[in-house]
Amino acid sequence: MQLQFQFDSLADFFAMGNYGFYVWLSYGISFVAIGWLIWQSKREQKQIVAQVKKALVREAQAKK
């Protein structure tokens, strides 16, 4: 079994039949959105963990 490439050159691959701008723009927007969601989730997780730690410290001090 031999591999058959759909494009004659790398430039044709990036051009995507004259739709390359839209294809690569949509990939770029998708990656940026996913990256932003990952960053935001990690930031919120750190904030929640900090809030829980503060609450535990307050509860421990209130019990004294």
PDB file of N, CA and C in Angstrom:
ATOM      1  N   MET A   1       0.845  -1.186   0.000  1.00  0.00           N
ATOM      2  CA  MET A   1       0.000   0.000   0.000  1.00  0.00           C
ATOM      3  C   MET A   1       0.885   1.242   0.000  1.00  0.00           C
ATOM      4  N   GLN A   2       0.659   2.099  -0.950  1.00  0.00           N
ATOM      5  CA  GLN A   2       1.464   3.302  -1.085  1.00  0.00           C
ATOM      6  C   GLN A   2       0.620   4.526  -0.767  1.00  0.00           C
ATOM      7  N   LEU A   3       1.228   5.484  -0.061  1.00  0.00           N
ATOM      8  CA  LEU A   3       0.514   6.700   0.311  1.00  0.00           C
ATOM      9  C   LEU A   3       0.340   7.603  -0.901  1.00  0.00           C
ATOM     10  N   GLN A   4      -0.829   8.161  -1.042  1.00  0.00           N
ATOM     11  CA  GLN A   4      -1.118   9.124  -2.103  1.00  0.00           C
ATOM     12  C   GLN A   4      -1.420  10.470  -1.459  1.00  0.00           C
ATOM     13  N   PHE A   5      -0.649  11.476  -1.806  1.00  0.00           N
ATOM     14  CA  PHE A   5      -0.888  12.804  -1.272  1.00  0.00           C
ATOM     15  C   PHE A   5      -1.926  13.515  -2.131  1.00  0.00           C
ATOM     16  N   GLN A   6      -2.768  14.305  -1.505  1.00  0.00           N
ATOM     17  CA  GLN A   6      -3.836  15.006  -2.199  1.00  0.00           C
ATOM     18  C   GLN A   6      -3.375  16.308  -2.839  1.00  0.00           C
ATOM     19  N   PHE A   7      -2.194  16.779  -2.437  1.00  0.00           N
ATOM     20  CA  PHE A   7      -1.693  18.060  -2.938  1.00  0.00           C
ATOM     21  C   PHE A   7      -0.350  17.835  -3.620  1.00  0.00           C
ATOM     22  N   ASP A   8      -0.101  18.626  -4.664  1.00  0.00           N
ATOM     23  CA  ASP A   8       1.140  18.476  -5.423  1.00  0.00           C
ATOM     24  C   ASP A   8       2.336  19.069  -4.696  1.00  0.00           C
ATOM     25  N   SER A   9       2.119  20.086  -3.899  1.00  0.00           N
ATOM     26  CA  SER A   9       3.226  20.728  -3.198  1.00  0.00           C
ATOM     27  C   SER A   9       2.739  21.247  -1.846  1.00  0.00           C
ATOM     28  N   LEU A  10       3.690  21.685  -1.051  1.00  0.00           N
ATOM     29  CA  LEU A  10       3.350  22.241   0.253  1.00  0.00           C
ATOM     30  C   LEU A  10       2.564  23.544   0.105  1.00  0.00           C
ATOM     31  N   ALA A  11       2.899  24.317  -0.925  1.00  0.00           N
ATOM     32  CA  ALA A  11       2.163  25.566  -1.180  1.00  0.00           C
ATOM     33  C   ALA A  11       0.701  25.268  -1.510  1.00  0.00           C
ATOM     34  N   ASP A  12       0.455  24.222  -2.278  1.00  0.00           N
ATOM     35  CA  ASP A  12      -0.926  23.829  -2.578  1.00  0.00           C
ATOM     36  C   ASP A  12      -1.658  23.385  -1.314  1.00  0.00           C
ATOM     37  N   PHE A  13      -0.924  22.701  -0.441  1.00  0.00           N
ATOM     38  CA  PHE A  13      -1.524  22.275   0.819  1.00  0.00           C
ATOM     39  C   PHE A  13      -1.986  23.475   1.629  1.00  0.00           C
ATOM     40  N   PHE A  14      -1.115  24.486   1.755  1.00  0.00           N
ATOM     41  CA  PHE A  14      -1.477  25.670   2.534  1.00  0.00           C
ATOM     42  C   PHE A  14      -2.542  26.506   1.836  1.00  0.00           C
ATOM     43  N   ALA A  15      -2.592  26.476   0.505  1.00  0.00           N
ATOM     44  CA  ALA A  15      -3.606  27.235  -0.236  1.00  0.00           C
ATOM     45  C   ALA A  15      -4.970  26.586  -0.129  1.00  0.00           C
ATOM     46  N   MET A  16      -5.017  25.279   0.063  1.00  0.00           N
ATOM     47  CA  MET A  16      -6.274  24.529   0.217  1.00  0.00           C
ATOM     48  C   MET A  16      -7.295  24.860  -0.875  1.00  0.00           C
ATOM     49  N   GLY A  17      -6.845  24.865  -2.098  1.00  0.00           N
ATOM     50  CA  GLY A  17      -7.771  25.120  -3.204  1.00  0.00           C
ATOM     51  C   GLY A  17      -8.366  26.520  -3.133  1.00  0.00           C
ATOM     52  N   ASN A  18      -7.568  27.495  -2.787  1.00  0.00           N
ATOM     53  CA  ASN A  18      -7.967  28.906  -2.651  1.00  0.00           C
ATOM     54  C   ASN A  18      -8.893  29.167  -1.457  1.00  0.00           C
ATOM     55  N   TYR A  19      -9.035  28.203  -0.587  1.00  0.00           N
ATOM     56  CA  TYR A  19      -9.807  28.395   0.641  1.00  0.00           C
ATOM     57  C   TYR A  19      -8.891  28.380   1.866  1.00  0.00           C
ATOM     58  N   GLY A  20      -7.589  28.418   1.629  1.00  0.00           N
ATOM     59  CA  GLY A  20      -6.618  28.321   2.713  1.00  0.00           C
ATOM     60  C   GLY A  20      -6.776  29.384   3.779  1.00  0.00           C
ATOM     61  N   PHE A  21      -7.063  30.613   3.376  1.00  0.00           N
ATOM     62  CA  PHE A  21      -7.229  31.687   4.354  1.00  0.00           C
ATOM     63  C   PHE A  21      -8.314  31.340   5.359  1.00  0.00           C
ATOM     64  N   TYR A  22      -9.443  30.864   4.869  1.00  0.00           N
ATOM     65  CA  TYR A  22     -10.573  30.552   5.755  1.00  0.00           C
ATOM     66  C   TYR A  22     -10.292  29.307   6.592  1.00  0.00           C
ATOM     67  N   VAL A  23      -9.646  28.328   5.969  1.00  0.00           N
ATOM     68  CA  VAL A  23      -9.332  27.088   6.689  1.00  0.00           C
ATOM     69  C   VAL A  23      -8.358  27.372   7.832  1.00  0.00           C
ATOM     70  N   TRP A  24      -7.255  28.046   7.518  1.00  0.00           N
ATOM     71  CA  TRP A  24      -6.242  28.284   8.534  1.00  0.00           C
ATOM     72  C   TRP A  24      -6.697  29.317   9.563  1.00  0.00           C
ATOM     73  N   LEU A  25      -7.521  30.263   9.140  1.00  0.00           N
ATOM     74  CA  LEU A  25      -8.078  31.217  10.098  1.00  0.00           C
ATOM     75  C   LEU A  25      -8.979  30.504  11.107  1.00  0.00           C
ATOM     76  N   SER A  26      -9.795  29.582  10.621  1.00  0.00           N
ATOM     77  CA  SER A  26     -10.675  28.852  11.535  1.00  0.00           C
ATOM     78  C   SER A  26      -9.873  27.961  12.479  1.00  0.00           C
ATOM     79  N   TYR A  27      -8.803  27.336  11.975  1.00  0.00           N
ATOM     80  CA  TYR A  27      -7.929  26.568  12.863  1.00  0.00           C
ATOM     81  C   TYR A  27      -7.305  27.489  13.913  1.00  0.00           C
ATOM     82  N   GLY A  28      -6.818  28.641  13.491  1.00  0.00           N
ATOM     83  CA  GLY A  28      -6.200  29.573  14.420  1.00  0.00           C
ATOM     84  C   GLY A  28      -7.158  30.048  15.498  1.00  0.00           C
ATOM     85  N   ILE A  29      -8.359  30.414  15.089  1.00  0.00           N
ATOM     86  CA  ILE A  29      -9.364  30.866  16.054  1.00  0.00           C
ATOM     87  C   ILE A  29      -9.711  29.747  17.026  1.00  0.00           C
ATOM     88  N   SER A  30      -9.825  28.531  16.517  1.00  0.00           N
ATOM     89  CA  SER A  30     -10.147  27.389  17.379  1.00  0.00           C
ATOM     90  C   SER A  30      -9.057  27.148  18.409  1.00  0.00           C
ATOM     91  N   PHE A  31      -7.791  27.168  17.968  1.00  0.00           N
ATOM     92  CA  PHE A  31      -6.694  26.942  18.901  1.00  0.00           C
ATOM     93  C   PHE A  31      -6.601  28.052  19.941  1.00  0.00           C
ATOM     94  N   VAL A  32      -6.821  29.280  19.534  1.00  0.00           N
ATOM     95  CA  VAL A  32      -6.792  30.401  20.486  1.00  0.00           C
ATOM     96  C   VAL A  32      -7.921  30.245  21.506  1.00  0.00           C
ATOM     97  N   ALA A  33      -9.112  29.889  21.030  1.00  0.00           N
ATOM     98  CA  ALA A  33     -10.253  29.721  21.945  1.00  0.00           C
ATOM     99  C   ALA A  33     -10.008  28.584  22.932  1.00  0.00           C
ATOM    100  N   ILE A  34      -9.493  27.473  22.456  1.00  0.00           N
ATOM    101  CA  ILE A  34      -9.217  26.340  23.342  1.00  0.00           C
ATOM    102  C   ILE A  34      -8.123  26.699  24.340  1.00  0.00           C
ATOM    103  N   GLY A  35      -7.073  27.374  23.861  1.00  0.00           N
ATOM    104  CA  GLY A  35      -6.004  27.805  24.757  1.00  0.00           C
ATOM    105  C   GLY A  35      -6.507  28.759  25.818  1.00  0.00           C
ATOM    106  N   TRP A  36      -7.380  29.689  25.422  1.00  0.00           N
ATOM    107  CA  TRP A  36      -7.945  30.639  26.373  1.00  0.00           C
ATOM    108  C   TRP A  36      -8.799  29.915  27.418  1.00  0.00           C
ATOM    109  N   LEU A  37      -9.582  28.925  26.987  1.00  0.00           N
ATOM    110  CA  LEU A  37     -10.417  28.174  27.932  1.00  0.00           C
ATOM    111  C   LEU A  37      -9.563  27.385  28.921  1.00  0.00           C
ATOM    112  N   ILE A  38      -8.481  26.799  28.443  1.00  0.00           N
ATOM    113  CA  ILE A  38      -7.585  26.064  29.341  1.00  0.00           C
ATOM    114  C   ILE A  38      -6.967  27.024  30.352  1.00  0.00           C
ATOM    115  N   TRP A  39      -6.468  28.166  29.868  1.00  0.00           N
ATOM    116  CA  TRP A  39      -5.848  29.154  30.754  1.00  0.00           C
ATOM    117  C   TRP A  39      -6.852  29.651  31.801  1.00  0.00           C
ATOM    118  N   GLN A  40      -8.063  29.969  31.348  1.00  0.00           N
ATOM    119  CA  GLN A  40      -9.089  30.475  32.262  1.00  0.00           C
ATOM    120  C   GLN A  40      -9.471  29.424  33.305  1.00  0.00           C
ATOM    121  N   SER A  41      -9.586  28.181  32.888  1.00  0.00           N
ATOM    122  CA  SER A  41      -9.944  27.111  33.823  1.00  0.00           C
ATOM    123  C   SER A  41      -8.880  26.935  34.895  1.00  0.00           C
ATOM    124  N   LYS A  42      -7.625  26.957  34.490  1.00  0.00           N
ATOM    125  CA  LYS A  42      -6.545  26.808  35.469  1.00  0.00           C
ATOM    126  C   LYS A  42      -6.503  27.991  36.429  1.00  0.00           C
ATOM    127  N   ARG A  43      -6.739  29.194  35.897  1.00  0.00           N
ATOM    128  CA  ARG A  43      -6.739  30.395  36.746  1.00  0.00           C
ATOM    129  C   ARG A  43      -7.881  30.316  37.761  1.00  0.00           C
ATOM    130  N   GLU A  44      -9.064  29.928  37.317  1.00  0.00           N
ATOM    131  CA  GLU A  44     -10.207  29.822  38.231  1.00  0.00           C
ATOM    132  C   GLU A  44      -9.985  28.727  39.265  1.00  0.00           C
ATOM    133  N   GLN A  45      -9.351  27.633  38.862  1.00  0.00           N
ATOM    134  CA  GLN A  45      -9.068  26.561  39.809  1.00  0.00           C
ATOM    135  C   GLN A  45      -8.141  27.059  40.912  1.00  0.00           C
ATOM    136  N   LYS A  46      -7.118  27.822  40.543  1.00  0.00           N
ATOM    137  CA  LYS A  46      -6.208  28.374  41.554  1.00  0.00           C
ATOM    138  C   LYS A  46      -6.946  29.308  42.502  1.00  0.00           C
ATOM    139  N   GLN A  47      -7.865  30.123  41.968  1.00  0.00           N
ATOM    140  CA  GLN A  47      -8.626  31.044  42.808  1.00  0.00           C
ATOM    141  C   GLN A  47      -9.530  30.277  43.768  1.00  0.00           C
ATOM    142  N   ILE A  48     -10.164  29.229  43.294  1.00  0.00           N
ATOM    143  CA  ILE A  48     -11.065  28.448  44.145  1.00  0.00           C
ATOM    144  C   ILE A  48     -10.276  27.746  45.248  1.00  0.00           C
ATOM    145  N   VAL A  49      -9.139  27.170  44.890  1.00  0.00           N
ATOM    146  CA  VAL A  49      -8.303  26.505  45.901  1.00  0.00           C
ATOM    147  C   VAL A  49      -7.861  27.514  46.953  1.00  0.00           C
ATOM    148  N   ALA A  50      -7.473  28.715  46.541  1.00  0.00           N
ATOM    149  CA  ALA A  50      -7.068  29.748  47.503  1.00  0.00           C
ATOM    150  C   ALA A  50      -8.229  30.140  48.409  1.00  0.00           C
ATOM    151  N   GLN A  51      -9.430  30.259  47.850  1.00  0.00           N
ATOM    152  CA  GLN A  51     -10.599  30.604  48.657  1.00  0.00           C
ATOM    153  C   GLN A  51     -10.905  29.515  49.673  1.00  0.00           C
ATOM    154  N   VAL A  52     -10.795  28.261  49.256  1.00  0.00           N
ATOM    155  CA  VAL A  52     -11.067  27.150  50.173  1.00  0.00           C
ATOM    156  C   VAL A  52     -10.032  27.127  51.285  1.00  0.00           C
ATOM    157  N   LYS A  53      -8.760  27.360  50.952  1.00  0.00           N
ATOM    158  CA  LYS A  53      -7.723  27.391  51.987  1.00  0.00           C
ATOM    159  C   LYS A  53      -7.989  28.501  52.999  1.00  0.00           C
ATOM    160  N   LYS A  54      -8.396  29.693  52.511  1.00  0.00           N
ATOM    161  CA  LYS A  54      -8.711  30.802  53.420  1.00  0.00           C
ATOM    162  C   LYS A  54      -9.890  30.451  54.323  1.00  0.00           C
ATOM    163  N   ALA A  55     -10.893  29.804  53.749  1.00  0.00           N
ATOM    164  CA  ALA A  55     -12.063  29.420  54.533  1.00  0.00           C
ATOM    165  C   ALA A  55     -11.683  28.402  55.602  1.00  0.00           C
ATOM    166  N   LEU A  56     -10.811  27.462  55.260  1.00  0.00           N
ATOM    167  CA  LEU A  56     -10.382  26.465  56.247  1.00  0.00           C
ATOM    168  C   LEU A  56      -9.587  27.117  57.376  1.00  0.00           C
ATOM    169  N   VAL A  57      -8.762  28.080  57.040  1.00  0.00           N
ATOM    170  CA  VAL A  57      -7.989  28.795  58.066  1.00  0.00           C
ATOM    171  C   VAL A  57      -8.936  29.567  58.978  1.00  0.00           C
ATOM    172  N   ARG A  58      -9.935  30.233  58.400  1.00  0.00           N
ATOM    173  CA  ARG A  58     -10.909  30.986  59.220  1.00  0.00           C
ATOM    174  C   ARG A  58     -11.681  30.050  60.140  1.00  0.00           C
ATOM    175  N   GLU A  59     -12.087  28.886  59.631  1.00  0.00           N
ATOM    176  CA  GLU A  59     -12.826  27.933  60.464  1.00  0.00           C
ATOM    177  C   GLU A  59     -11.953  27.416  61.594  1.00  0.00           C
ATOM    178  N   ALA A  60     -10.686  27.159  61.289  1.00  0.00           N
ATOM    179  CA  ALA A  60      -9.782  26.647  62.323  1.00  0.00           C
ATOM    180  C   ALA A  60      -9.562  27.710  63.405  1.00  0.00           C
ATOM    181  N   GLN A  61      -9.456  28.970  62.985  1.00  0.00           N
ATOM    182  CA  GLN A  61      -9.261  30.038  63.968  1.00  0.00           C
ATOM    183  C   GLN A  61     -10.542  30.277  64.776  1.00  0.00           C
ATOM    184  N   ALA A  62     -11.694  30.088  64.176  1.00  0.00           N
ATOM    185  CA  ALA A  62     -12.962  30.315  64.885  1.00  0.00           C
ATOM    186  C   ALA A  62     -13.194  29.247  65.932  1.00  0.00           C
ATOM    187  N   LYS A  63     -12.663  28.049  65.710  1.00  0.00           N
ATOM    188  CA  LYS A  63     -12.856  26.949  66.668  1.00  0.00           C
ATOM    189  C   LYS A  63     -11.960  27.083  67.891  1.00  0.00           C
ATOM    190  N   LYS A  64     -10.940  27.923  67.813  1.00  0.00           N
ATOM    191  CA  LYS A  64     -10.007  28.069  68.956  1.00  0.00           C
ATOM    192  C   LYS A  64     -10.625  28.791  70.109  1.00  0.00           C
TER     193      LYS A  64
END
